[in-house]
Amino acid sequence: MMKKLLLGMSLVFLGAFLSACGEDPNTEPIEERYFSILGDSYSTYRGYVSPETNDVWNYYDSIGVTSVEQMWWHKLAETLGWTLEKNNSFSGSLVCNMNHADYFGPHSFLRRMDDLGNPDIILIFGGTNDMWDSAPMGEYVYYGWTEEELCSFRPALACLFDGLHERYPGIELVFMVDTALGEEFVQSVHTIADYYGVRCVDLVGIQKSWQHPSAEGMATIAKQMAEALRENV
């Protein structure tokens, strides 16, 4: 009984010591990895997208995101001790090829998936514009896609996962599920991700302004992603 009491006291003291020192084991770096992002405006920041000609959302300053250090992916890299390989994000882009505007259609996720560098893990953060722009859902199609089918969300997402597996064999794929996605989109993402063995992280409670993550929202995304990725390492 005395040994258990002493052990308990020691653990309490250790916890208090770590707290006093400001050390949280959940913020300690883990094995270094290189990650790439295939995303939309949620992941763009001026001067930090590749190719440099990718369109960025120019209003983050207006909602309190005033430095690149506040972006979710920068905070994630800092927390985990990882390195950003490539951020191929394009503001306004859809997963599918629906040409809702001549400008955005050619920059879909499908048409950018070949240019992600040489990462250990690929984070896919999209689908939001497909929902906002009322892209057709389409059917669950897992091979032999037609151009018409790739203008719908479900076939396009399946083609995206299939293409990423083919182009980056053995690389882990993670789809970040935005809080803005409706139930039908979320269910579709999970169904297709399960088919291809792609991991989903369902984000919750993301504060937004002008329909984009605020500084607090960015921090929340980074925290949730860090927790999810730690569990899988």
Protein backbone atom coordinates (compact mmCIF):
# COMPACT_ATOMS: atom_id res chain seq x y z
CA MET A 1 0.00 0.00 0.00
CA MET A 2 2.83 2.37 0.90
CA LYS A 3 4.60 1.65 -2.42
CA LYS A 4 1.43 2.46 -4.38
CA LEU A 5 1.00 5.68 -2.43
CA LEU A 6 4.59 6.73 -3.08
CA LEU A 7 4.25 5.86 -6.78
CA GLY A 8 1.08 7.92 -7.02
CA MET A 9 2.75 10.87 -5.33
CA SER A 10 5.70 10.57 -7.70
CA LEU A 11 3.43 10.66 -10.75
CA VAL A 12 1.58 13.68 -9.42
CA PHE A 13 4.90 15.43 -8.78
CA LEU A 14 6.14 14.55 -12.28
CA GLY A 15 2.97 15.92 -13.86
CA ALA A 16 3.22 19.10 -11.85
CA PHE A 17 6.90 19.44 -12.76
CA LEU A 18 6.23 19.06 -16.50
CA SER A 19 3.36 21.50 -16.27
CA ALA A 20 5.50 24.01 -14.44
CA CYS A 21 8.18 23.66 -17.07
CA GLY A 22 5.62 24.18 -19.83
CA GLU A 23 6.36 20.77 -21.38
CA ASP A 24 3.52 18.82 -22.92
CA PRO A 25 4.43 15.41 -24.36
CA ASN A 26 1.78 15.97 -27.06
CA THR A 27 3.81 18.88 -28.44
CA GLU A 28 7.12 17.04 -28.61
CA PRO A 29 8.44 16.46 -32.17
CA ILE A 30 8.13 12.95 -33.57
CA GLU A 31 10.05 11.16 -36.31
CA GLU A 32 10.75 13.69 -39.07
CA ARG A 33 8.69 13.31 -42.22
CA TYR A 34 8.21 15.33 -45.38
CA PHE A 35 4.60 16.19 -46.19
CA SER A 36 2.89 17.73 -49.18
CA ILE A 37 -0.49 19.45 -49.37
CA LEU A 38 -3.05 19.28 -52.14
CA GLY A 39 -5.53 21.95 -51.20
CA ASP A 40 -7.63 25.03 -51.85
CA SER A 41 -7.77 28.53 -50.32
CA TYR A 42 -7.70 27.15 -46.76
CA SER A 43 -4.06 26.23 -47.36
CA THR A 44 -2.87 29.12 -49.56
CA TYR A 45 -0.68 31.95 -48.36
CA ARG A 46 1.05 34.49 -50.55
CA GLY A 47 4.59 33.41 -51.39
CA TYR A 48 4.06 29.90 -49.97
CA VAL A 49 2.39 27.93 -52.75
CA SER A 50 3.98 25.89 -55.51
CA PRO A 51 3.79 26.51 -58.39
CA GLU A 52 4.10 30.20 -57.58
CA THR A 53 1.45 30.96 -60.21
CA ASN A 54 -1.24 29.25 -58.10
CA ASP A 55 -3.98 31.63 -57.03
CA VAL A 56 -4.09 32.50 -53.31
CA TRP A 57 -6.82 33.89 -51.07
CA ASN A 58 -5.69 37.46 -50.42
CA TYR A 59 -7.89 38.35 -47.45
CA TYR A 60 -6.38 36.43 -44.54
CA ASP A 61 -5.01 39.68 -43.08
CA SER A 62 -8.60 40.88 -42.75
CA ILE A 63 -9.58 37.94 -40.55
CA GLY A 64 -6.54 38.00 -38.28
CA VAL A 65 -4.18 35.61 -40.08
CA THR A 66 -1.36 38.09 -40.56
CA SER A 67 1.69 35.84 -40.90
CA VAL A 68 2.50 32.50 -42.45
CA GLU A 69 3.38 31.20 -38.99
CA GLN A 70 -0.36 31.22 -38.24
CA MET A 71 -1.28 28.91 -41.11
CA TRP A 72 -2.41 25.46 -40.01
CA TRP A 73 0.29 23.63 -41.96
CA HIS A 74 3.08 25.84 -40.59
CA LYS A 75 1.91 25.18 -37.04
CA LEU A 76 1.61 21.46 -37.79
CA ALA A 77 5.16 21.30 -39.14
CA GLU A 78 6.48 23.15 -36.10
CA THR A 79 4.59 20.93 -33.66
CA LEU A 80 5.60 17.60 -35.21
CA GLY A 81 9.08 18.61 -36.35
CA TRP A 82 8.12 17.80 -39.93
CA THR A 83 9.14 19.54 -43.17
CA LEU A 84 6.76 20.86 -45.80
CA GLU A 85 7.77 19.31 -49.12
CA LYS A 86 5.29 21.09 -51.36
CA ASN A 87 2.10 23.11 -50.93
CA ASN A 88 0.19 22.75 -54.19
CA SER A 89 -2.94 24.62 -53.12
CA PHE A 90 -5.06 26.77 -55.40
CA SER A 91 -7.74 29.14 -54.13
CA GLY A 92 -11.22 28.34 -55.39
CA SER A 93 -10.30 24.93 -56.77
CA LEU A 94 -12.62 21.93 -56.76
CA VAL A 95 -11.71 18.27 -56.46
CA CYS A 96 -13.67 17.55 -59.63
CA ASN A 97 -13.22 19.05 -63.07
CA MET A 98 -16.53 20.90 -63.08
CA ASN A 99 -15.74 24.06 -65.01
CA HIS A 100 -17.79 26.45 -62.88
CA ALA A 101 -15.53 29.17 -64.28
CA ASP A 102 -13.02 28.98 -67.11
CA TYR A 103 -10.34 30.08 -64.66
CA PHE A 104 -10.85 27.52 -61.89
CA GLY A 105 -11.86 24.44 -63.88
CA PRO A 106 -8.36 23.70 -65.25
CA HIS A 107 -6.92 23.85 -61.71
CA SER A 108 -8.92 21.06 -60.08
CA PHE A 109 -7.30 18.70 -57.60
CA LEU A 110 -7.30 16.06 -60.34
CA ARG A 111 -5.26 18.28 -62.62
CA ARG A 112 -2.70 19.17 -59.96
CA MET A 113 -2.06 15.81 -58.32
CA ASP A 114 1.02 15.09 -60.43
CA ASP A 115 2.97 17.95 -58.86
CA LEU A 116 3.48 17.16 -55.17
CA GLY A 117 7.21 16.55 -54.96
CA ASN A 118 8.61 13.56 -53.08
CA PRO A 119 6.80 13.44 -49.73
CA ASP A 120 6.38 10.76 -47.07
CA ILE A 121 2.74 11.73 -46.57
CA ILE A 122 0.16 13.70 -48.57
CA LEU A 123 -2.52 15.77 -46.84
CA ILE A 124 -5.57 16.44 -49.01
CA PHE A 125 -7.71 19.34 -47.82
CA GLY A 126 -10.57 19.96 -50.22
CA GLY A 127 -14.16 19.34 -51.22
CA THR A 128 -15.34 22.65 -49.78
CA ASN A 129 -15.57 24.39 -53.14
CA ASP A 130 -17.29 21.35 -54.67
CA MET A 131 -20.02 21.81 -52.09
CA TRP A 132 -20.15 25.62 -52.29
CA ASP A 133 -20.41 25.48 -56.08
CA SER A 134 -23.00 22.71 -56.04
CA ALA A 135 -20.91 20.24 -57.99
CA PRO A 136 -22.92 17.15 -58.99
CA MET A 137 -22.41 14.24 -56.60
CA GLY A 138 -22.39 11.59 -59.32
CA GLU A 139 -22.25 7.86 -58.71
CA TYR A 140 -19.62 5.74 -56.97
CA VAL A 141 -17.37 4.85 -59.89
CA TYR A 142 -14.02 3.21 -59.17
CA TYR A 143 -12.50 2.65 -62.62
CA GLY A 144 -12.85 3.62 -66.27
CA TRP A 145 -13.92 7.18 -65.59
CA THR A 146 -15.26 9.30 -68.43
CA GLU A 147 -14.53 13.01 -68.74
CA GLU A 148 -18.17 13.70 -67.94
CA GLU A 149 -18.01 11.59 -64.77
CA LEU A 150 -14.91 13.45 -63.60
CA CYS A 151 -17.02 16.62 -63.51
CA SER A 152 -18.88 15.08 -60.53
CA PHE A 153 -17.56 14.82 -56.98
CA ARG A 154 -17.72 11.10 -56.22
CA PRO A 155 -16.07 9.80 -59.41
CA ALA A 156 -13.48 12.58 -59.24
CA LEU A 157 -12.54 11.79 -55.64
CA ALA A 158 -12.20 8.11 -56.49
CA CYS A 159 -10.02 8.97 -59.48
CA LEU A 160 -7.95 11.28 -57.28
CA PHE A 161 -7.23 8.61 -54.68
CA ASP A 162 -6.52 6.04 -57.38
CA GLY A 163 -4.18 8.42 -59.20
CA LEU A 164 -2.31 9.42 -56.04
CA HIS A 165 -1.75 5.77 -55.12
CA GLU A 166 -0.40 5.13 -58.62
CA ARG A 167 1.86 8.20 -58.73
CA TYR A 168 3.11 7.97 -55.14
CA PRO A 169 3.18 4.25 -54.30
CA GLY A 170 3.49 3.46 -50.64
CA ILE A 171 2.89 7.08 -49.60
CA GLU A 172 0.30 7.63 -46.88
CA LEU A 173 -2.74 9.66 -47.93
CA VAL A 174 -4.84 11.61 -45.42
CA PHE A 175 -8.05 13.44 -46.34
CA MET A 176 -8.93 16.34 -44.06
CA VAL A 177 -12.73 16.60 -43.80
CA ASP A 178 -13.80 20.24 -43.50
CA THR A 179 -16.52 21.20 -41.04
CA ALA A 180 -18.34 22.98 -43.89
CA LEU A 181 -19.04 19.77 -45.80
CA GLY A 182 -22.63 18.61 -45.73
CA GLU A 183 -23.67 15.14 -44.62
CA GLU A 184 -23.85 13.75 -48.16
CA PHE A 185 -20.34 14.95 -48.95
CA VAL A 186 -18.92 13.62 -45.68
CA GLN A 187 -20.52 10.22 -46.18
CA SER A 188 -19.24 10.10 -49.76
CA VAL A 189 -15.70 10.99 -48.68
CA HIS A 190 -15.65 8.23 -46.07
CA THR A 191 -17.12 5.63 -48.41
CA ILE A 192 -14.55 6.32 -51.14
CA ALA A 193 -11.69 6.70 -48.67
CA ASP A 194 -12.53 3.31 -47.14
CA TYR A 195 -12.44 1.73 -50.59
CA TYR A 196 -8.92 3.07 -51.26
CA GLY A 197 -7.54 2.74 -47.75
CA VAL A 198 -7.21 6.50 -47.33
CA ARG A 199 -7.36 7.84 -43.80
CA CYS A 200 -9.89 10.58 -42.98
CA VAL A 201 -9.58 13.15 -40.22
CA ASP A 202 -12.92 14.76 -39.41
CA LEU A 203 -12.24 18.28 -38.20
CA VAL A 204 -14.55 19.79 -35.58
CA GLY A 205 -15.17 23.21 -34.06
CA ILE A 206 -13.13 25.27 -36.55
CA GLN A 207 -13.69 28.99 -36.02
CA LYS A 208 -14.12 30.80 -39.32
CA SER A 209 -14.58 34.30 -40.67
CA TRP A 210 -15.62 35.05 -44.23
CA GLN A 211 -16.01 31.27 -44.56
CA HIS A 212 -12.28 30.74 -43.97
CA PRO A 213 -10.38 29.59 -40.86
CA SER A 214 -9.47 32.46 -38.58
CA ALA A 215 -6.20 32.52 -36.63
CA GLU A 216 -7.92 30.53 -33.89
CA GLY A 217 -9.39 28.19 -36.49
CA MET A 218 -5.96 27.59 -38.00
CA ALA A 219 -4.57 26.71 -34.59
CA THR A 220 -7.45 24.30 -33.99
CA ILE A 221 -6.87 22.57 -37.32
CA ALA A 222 -3.17 22.20 -36.55
CA LYS A 223 -3.88 20.80 -33.08
CA GLN A 224 -6.41 18.25 -34.32
CA MET A 225 -4.18 17.16 -37.18
CA ALA A 226 -1.15 16.82 -34.91
CA GLU A 227 -3.14 14.64 -32.53
CA ALA A 228 -4.48 12.48 -35.37
CA LEU A 229 -1.11 12.06 -37.06
CA ARG A 230 0.64 11.17 -33.78
CA GLU A 231 -1.79 8.29 -33.33
CA ASN A 232 -0.79 6.90 -36.70
CA VAL A 233 3.00 7.11 -36.35
